[in-house]
Protein backbone atom coordinates (compact mmCIF):
# COMPACT_ATOMS: atom_id res chain seq x y z
CA MET A 1 47.99 140.19 41.69
CA LEU A 2 48.94 140.67 45.35
CA ARG A 3 48.83 136.84 45.66
CA LEU A 4 51.50 136.96 42.78
CA VAL A 5 53.63 139.51 44.50
CA LEU A 6 53.54 137.60 47.79
CA SER A 7 54.55 134.46 46.29
CA ALA A 8 57.43 136.00 44.36
CA CYS A 9 58.84 137.51 47.62
CA VAL A 10 58.69 133.94 49.13
CA LEU A 11 60.56 132.56 46.48
CA VAL A 12 62.97 135.20 46.55
CA THR A 13 63.29 134.74 50.32
CA VAL A 14 63.54 131.06 50.14
CA LEU A 15 66.14 131.14 47.29
CA THR A 16 68.27 133.77 49.28
CA VAL A 17 68.33 131.45 52.55
CA VAL A 18 69.21 128.44 50.44
CA VAL A 19 72.19 130.23 48.33
CA LEU A 20 73.42 131.67 51.70
CA ALA A 21 73.31 127.99 53.09
CA VAL A 22 75.85 126.80 50.45
CA PRO A 23 79.30 127.86 51.06
CA ALA A 24 81.16 129.50 48.53
CA GLN A 25 83.64 127.74 46.39
CA GLU A 26 86.42 130.39 46.82
CA LYS A 27 85.96 130.33 50.86
CA ARG A 28 86.52 126.65 51.34
CA VAL A 29 89.62 125.74 53.09
CA HIS A 30 91.77 123.82 50.53
CA ARG A 31 95.24 124.13 51.42
CA ARG A 32 97.30 124.80 54.70
CA GLU A 33 96.84 128.52 55.19
CA ASP A 34 99.37 130.80 56.89
CA LEU A 35 98.65 132.44 60.28
CA SER A 36 97.06 135.09 58.21
CA ASP A 37 95.62 135.84 54.82
CA HIS A 38 97.57 139.20 54.98
CA VAL A 39 101.07 139.42 53.41
CA HIS A 40 103.87 139.44 56.18
CA ASP A 41 105.31 142.89 55.32
CA ASP A 42 105.95 145.35 58.17
CA ALA A 43 106.73 147.94 55.78
CA ARG A 44 103.21 147.57 54.72
CA GLY A 45 101.58 147.17 58.11
CA PHE A 46 101.23 144.67 60.92
CA GLN A 47 97.78 143.08 60.16
CA TYR A 48 99.69 139.62 59.77
CA ASP A 49 101.51 139.94 63.14
CA HIS A 50 97.85 140.90 64.84
CA GLU A 51 96.12 137.89 63.44
CA ALA A 52 99.09 135.53 64.19
CA PHE A 53 99.44 136.76 67.77
CA LEU A 54 95.62 137.38 68.51
CA GLY A 55 93.74 134.99 66.20
CA LYS A 56 91.84 136.31 63.25
CA ASP A 57 88.59 136.98 64.99
CA GLU A 58 90.10 138.54 68.07
CA ALA A 59 92.12 140.79 65.81
CA LYS A 60 88.83 142.27 64.28
CA THR A 61 87.69 143.09 68.09
CA PHE A 62 91.11 145.01 68.55
CA ASP A 63 90.83 146.77 65.53
CA GLN A 64 87.94 148.93 67.11
CA LEU A 65 89.72 149.72 70.16
CA THR A 66 91.26 152.87 71.28
CA PRO A 67 95.18 152.74 71.61
CA GLU A 68 94.69 152.88 75.42
CA GLU A 69 92.34 149.96 75.42
CA SER A 70 94.48 147.82 73.25
CA LYS A 71 97.32 148.42 75.60
CA GLU A 72 95.43 147.71 78.79
CA ARG A 73 94.20 144.06 76.99
CA LEU A 74 97.72 143.57 75.74
CA ALA A 75 99.12 143.75 79.41
CA LYS A 76 96.73 141.26 80.46
CA ILE A 77 97.48 138.99 77.56
CA VAL A 78 101.25 139.07 78.48
CA ASP A 79 100.41 138.10 82.02
CA ARG A 80 98.60 135.06 80.53
CA ILE A 81 101.52 134.22 78.25
CA ASP A 82 104.09 134.19 80.99
CA THR A 83 103.15 130.97 82.41
CA ASP A 84 106.07 130.40 84.69
CA GLY A 85 105.71 133.78 86.10
CA ASP A 86 109.14 135.09 85.68
CA GLY A 87 108.48 138.40 84.15
CA TYR A 88 109.64 137.32 80.74
CA ILE A 89 108.28 136.08 77.56
CA SER A 90 110.49 133.11 76.18
CA HIS A 91 110.12 131.82 72.40
CA ALA A 92 108.74 128.61 74.17
CA GLU A 93 105.87 130.75 75.81
CA LEU A 94 105.19 132.99 72.81
CA TYR A 95 105.10 129.88 70.40
CA SER A 96 102.50 127.92 72.77
CA TRP A 97 100.20 131.26 72.92
CA ILE A 98 100.46 131.59 68.93
CA LYS A 99 99.50 127.85 68.70
CA HIS A 100 96.74 128.23 71.16
CA ARG A 101 95.36 131.05 69.44
CA GLN A 102 95.25 129.68 65.96
CA ARG A 103 93.83 126.32 67.31
CA ARG A 104 91.12 128.27 69.25
CA TYR A 105 90.06 129.80 65.73
CA ILE A 106 89.73 126.30 64.34
CA GLU A 107 87.63 124.91 67.46
CA GLU A 108 85.25 128.03 67.42
CA ASN A 109 84.81 127.59 63.54
CA VAL A 110 83.77 123.74 64.27
CA ASP A 111 81.54 124.87 66.94
CA LYS A 112 79.70 127.43 64.88
CA HIS A 113 79.00 124.80 62.12
CA TRP A 114 78.30 121.83 64.55
CA LYS A 115 75.17 123.33 65.70
CA ASP A 116 73.86 123.83 62.13
CA TYR A 117 74.74 120.23 60.73
CA ASP A 118 74.12 117.86 63.94
CA THR A 119 70.39 117.88 63.14
CA SER A 120 69.64 114.62 64.93
CA LYS A 121 71.62 115.87 68.06
CA ASP A 122 73.10 112.53 68.52
CA GLY A 123 76.70 113.95 68.81
CA LYS A 124 77.69 112.94 65.38
CA ILE A 125 77.30 114.27 61.72
CA GLY A 126 76.33 112.06 58.99
CA TRP A 127 76.98 112.72 55.31
CA GLU A 128 73.23 112.86 54.69
CA GLU A 129 72.71 115.47 57.48
CA TYR A 130 75.61 117.77 56.24
CA LYS A 131 74.46 117.22 52.50
CA ASN A 132 70.86 118.02 53.28
CA VAL A 133 71.60 121.10 55.16
CA THR A 134 73.92 122.39 52.74
CA TYR A 135 72.34 121.54 49.57
CA GLY A 136 68.91 119.91 50.37
CA TYR A 137 66.53 122.25 48.54
CA TYR A 138 68.30 121.64 45.24
CA LEU A 139 68.61 118.07 45.67
CA ASP A 140 64.90 117.18 46.01
CA ASP A 141 63.88 117.05 42.40
CA ASN A 142 65.84 119.39 40.35
CA GLU A 143 69.52 118.70 41.01
CA PHE A 144 70.60 122.56 40.90
CA ASP A 145 68.72 123.08 37.82
CA ASP A 146 67.35 126.21 39.31
CA ILE A 147 71.02 127.68 39.80
CA GLU A 148 72.53 129.63 37.05
CA ASP A 149 76.00 128.10 37.68
CA LYS A 150 74.96 124.77 38.39
CA ALA A 151 78.26 123.04 37.28
CA THR A 152 80.06 124.84 40.18
CA TYR A 153 77.40 123.66 42.72
CA LYS A 154 77.65 120.13 41.34
CA SER A 155 81.43 120.30 41.47
CA MET A 156 80.97 121.60 45.19
CA LEU A 157 79.04 118.78 46.24
CA THR A 158 81.36 116.26 44.57
CA ARG A 159 84.47 117.78 46.50
CA ASP A 160 82.48 117.89 49.85
CA GLU A 161 81.57 114.21 49.49
CA ARG A 162 84.78 113.32 48.53
CA ARG A 163 86.62 115.26 51.75
CA PHE A 164 83.93 113.98 54.02
CA LYS A 165 84.53 110.42 53.13
CA ALA A 166 88.32 111.03 53.45
CA ALA A 167 87.83 112.57 57.15
CA ASP A 168 85.69 109.67 58.06
CA ARG A 169 88.67 107.43 59.24
CA ASP A 170 86.33 104.47 60.13
CA ASN A 171 84.08 104.84 57.25
CA ASP A 172 80.96 104.44 58.99
CA GLY A 173 79.25 107.23 57.17
CA VAL A 174 79.11 109.61 60.20
CA ALA A 175 81.55 112.18 61.55
CA THR A 176 82.78 112.37 65.01
CA ARG A 177 83.67 115.84 66.24
CA GLU A 178 87.47 115.23 65.37
CA GLU A 179 86.44 113.70 62.02
CA PHE A 180 84.22 116.76 61.26
CA THR A 181 87.12 119.04 62.26
CA ALA A 182 89.14 117.19 59.73
CA PHE A 183 86.50 117.76 57.09
CA LEU A 184 86.39 121.63 57.81
CA HIS A 185 90.21 122.08 58.20
CA PRO A 186 91.81 119.21 56.22
CA GLU A 187 95.11 121.28 56.26
CA GLU A 188 95.45 120.37 60.13
CA PHE A 189 95.39 116.63 59.81
CA ASP A 190 98.34 114.38 58.25
CA TYR A 191 95.87 111.79 56.96
CA MET A 192 93.94 114.36 54.91
CA LYS A 193 97.02 115.43 52.98
CA ASP A 194 96.10 113.80 49.61
CA VAL A 195 92.75 115.56 49.87
CA VAL A 196 94.49 118.93 50.41
CA VAL A 197 96.83 118.51 47.58
CA GLN A 198 93.99 117.27 45.11
CA GLU A 199 91.96 120.41 45.83
CA THR A 200 94.87 122.81 45.40
CA MET A 201 95.61 121.25 42.14
CA GLU A 202 92.11 121.60 41.07
CA ASP A 203 91.89 125.23 42.32
CA ILE A 204 94.77 126.63 40.61
CA ASP A 205 95.07 124.46 37.51
CA LYS A 206 92.96 126.29 35.28
CA ASN A 207 93.84 124.56 32.13
CA GLY A 208 93.11 121.20 33.42
CA ASP A 209 96.60 119.66 32.54
CA GLY A 210 97.23 118.21 35.74
CA LYS A 211 100.18 120.62 36.73
CA ILE A 212 100.39 124.40 37.98
CA ASP A 213 102.34 126.60 35.83
CA LEU A 214 104.06 129.87 36.57
CA LYS A 215 101.09 131.84 35.21
CA GLU A 216 98.60 129.93 37.28
CA TYR A 217 100.64 129.81 40.27
CA ILE A 218 100.80 133.78 40.40
CA GLY A 219 97.19 134.21 39.13
CA ASP A 220 96.07 132.24 42.40
CA MET A 221 97.49 135.18 44.48
CA PHE A 222 97.38 138.38 42.18
CA THR A 223 95.32 139.29 39.35
CA PRO A 224 96.20 143.00 38.07
CA GLU A 225 93.49 145.32 37.51
CA ASP A 226 93.54 147.81 34.49
CA GLY A 227 96.68 149.65 34.71
CA GLU A 228 97.77 148.33 37.97
CA SER A 229 101.49 147.79 38.17
CA GLU A 230 102.78 144.46 39.37
CA PRO A 231 103.88 144.72 43.43
CA ASP A 232 107.30 143.95 44.40
CA TRP A 233 106.20 140.76 46.17
CA VAL A 234 104.91 139.11 43.10
CA GLN A 235 108.70 139.04 41.73
CA THR A 236 109.55 137.35 44.84
CA GLU A 237 107.01 134.75 44.48
CA LYS A 238 108.00 134.06 40.98
CA LYS A 239 111.54 133.86 42.04
CA GLN A 240 110.30 131.33 44.65
CA PHE A 241 108.44 129.23 42.07
CA VAL A 242 111.66 128.93 39.76
CA GLU A 243 114.21 128.31 42.28
CA PHE A 244 112.48 126.44 44.94
CA ARG A 245 108.99 125.35 44.11
CA ASP A 246 109.57 123.80 40.68
CA THR A 247 112.21 121.44 41.94
CA ASN A 248 112.28 119.22 38.84
CA LYS A 249 112.85 122.64 36.50
CA ASP A 250 109.87 121.56 34.05
CA GLY A 251 108.27 124.81 34.39
CA ALA A 252 105.56 123.34 36.41
CA LEU A 253 104.49 121.95 39.65
CA ASP A 254 103.12 118.39 39.84
CA ALA A 255 101.38 116.90 42.98
CA ALA A 256 104.44 116.04 44.74
CA GLU A 257 106.01 119.69 44.40
CA VAL A 258 102.63 121.08 45.42
CA ALA A 259 102.51 118.71 48.48
CA HIS A 260 106.15 119.98 49.32
CA TRP A 261 105.06 123.63 48.88
CA ILE A 262 101.88 123.52 50.97
CA LEU A 263 101.87 120.74 53.57
CA PRO A 264 103.10 120.81 57.08
CA GLY A 265 107.02 120.37 57.58
CA GLU A 266 108.62 122.88 54.87
CA VAL A 267 107.86 125.89 57.15
CA ASP A 268 106.73 126.17 60.87
CA HIS A 269 104.94 129.57 60.47
CA VAL A 270 104.27 129.59 64.27
CA ASP A 271 107.94 129.26 64.92
CA ASN A 272 109.17 131.73 62.33
CA GLU A 273 106.36 134.38 63.86
CA ALA A 274 107.50 133.92 67.23
CA LYS A 275 111.03 134.50 66.45
CA HIS A 276 110.21 137.50 64.37
CA LEU A 277 108.11 139.28 67.13
CA ILE A 278 111.03 138.62 69.55
CA HIS A 279 113.60 139.94 67.41
CA GLU A 280 111.68 143.14 66.84
CA THR A 281 110.70 143.63 70.26
CA ASP A 282 113.62 142.47 72.35
CA THR A 283 115.63 145.77 72.74
CA ASP A 284 118.41 144.28 75.24
CA LYS A 285 118.70 141.29 72.75
CA ASP A 286 118.45 138.69 75.69
CA GLU A 287 116.26 136.41 73.61
CA LYS A 288 113.05 137.06 75.70
CA MET A 289 110.44 139.90 75.98
CA THR A 290 109.48 141.93 79.09
CA LYS A 291 106.02 143.46 79.38
CA LYS A 292 107.75 146.78 79.08
CA GLU A 293 109.17 145.65 75.73
CA ILE A 294 106.14 144.49 74.52
CA LEU A 295 103.83 147.39 75.30
CA ALA A 296 106.44 149.77 73.78
CA ASN A 297 105.92 147.87 70.54
CA TRP A 298 102.29 147.41 71.08
CA ASN A 299 101.38 148.41 67.56
CA MET A 300 103.04 145.33 65.92
CA PHE A 301 101.05 142.96 68.58
CA VAL A 302 97.42 144.56 68.66
CA GLY A 303 97.72 148.11 67.10
CA SER A 304 94.35 148.99 65.21
CA GLN A 305 94.66 148.50 61.43
CA ALA A 306 91.06 150.13 61.09
CA THR A 307 92.30 153.11 62.59
CA ASN A 308 96.01 153.28 61.25
CA TYR A 309 97.30 151.69 64.33
CA GLY A 310 95.55 154.18 66.73
CA GLU A 311 97.09 157.33 65.18
CA ASP A 312 93.70 158.58 63.46
CA LEU A 313 91.46 157.41 66.44
CA THR A 314 93.89 159.44 68.79
CA LYS A 315 93.64 162.54 66.66
CA ARG A 316 89.92 162.48 66.45
CA HIS A 317 89.66 162.01 70.23
CA ASP A 318 91.96 164.96 71.03
CA GLU A 319 89.82 167.14 68.59
CA LEU A 320 86.81 166.37 70.60
C-alpha cells in the first residue's frame, strides 16, 4: 500500500514538472506587443507608462518601493538618460532609453531560456534540443496520450516547429542566439512577419474561416462576465475596426489587413510614449524635461501601482 502511494506521488511530481515545462499556449508571443499589456489610459492609472519607461520586470520591482525610494531611484535613472549631460532630457534621449528598456526585457528573456535549451552547451540550440526539453516526456511513446487536451499540445508542437524553422535563416536545423531570439520574439524581426500574421490569424479566427470578424476581434481583448457592462474603450476598438482595420469594408480582416494592424510601421509605440511623457511633464513647454519636472511627475514614471501610487503606503507608514 505504501509503495502504491509513493508511486502515485512520484507520478504526480513527474507530471507536474513536465506540464510546467510546456509553455502555455495563451502566453506564447504571437504578434507584436505594445510597450505594455495594460490599456494606455491615464485616467485609469499609469501602469502602461511604468512598463514602457522601466521595462516590465523592473516595473514590478518599483511596485514594491516606498515613494521616497522610487523618487531616489528615478533621480539616478534621469542622470543615465541625460547622455549629453546638459541637464535636460530630450525626445531623442527618452526615445533611446525606452527602446533600450524594451530590448533589455527581450535579452533577459532569451538569457533565461537559453540555459534551459542549450543542453549540449555548444552555443546553439537545435530543434531536437528544444523539442526534447519542452515536450520530451510525452514524445517518447504515447504522443501526448496522457494529456487531457492533447490536441492543444499537438498544435503547440506544430506551431513551435514551424516557427523554429522560420527563425532558422540558414536552414541548418540549429538556432544561433539571434535566431533563437527571433523564435521567442518573432514580432521583433521583419523576416518573421509571415509567421506572426499566421499565428495571429490562428489565435483569433475562432470559426476557422480564414478571416477575423468584429466579434472575434473584440473577443480577443474583452470577454464580459455575467452582468458586466461594456467599457468605453471597447466602443473605441469597434470604431477602429470598422473605420481603420477593415480597409476593404467587407466586415472582416484578412491576412493583409492583419499585417497592417500588428506589424511594425503602422505605429511607433516608443515614439508615441516619449512624446506623451514629455507632453505631460514639460511644464514650461520647451519640449524637453528637467529632473525637477520629472520628479514632480514621478507617479507617471515610477509610481507604485501595487500601493495606489504610494498613497496607501505613505498612509500606513504615517500610522506607524
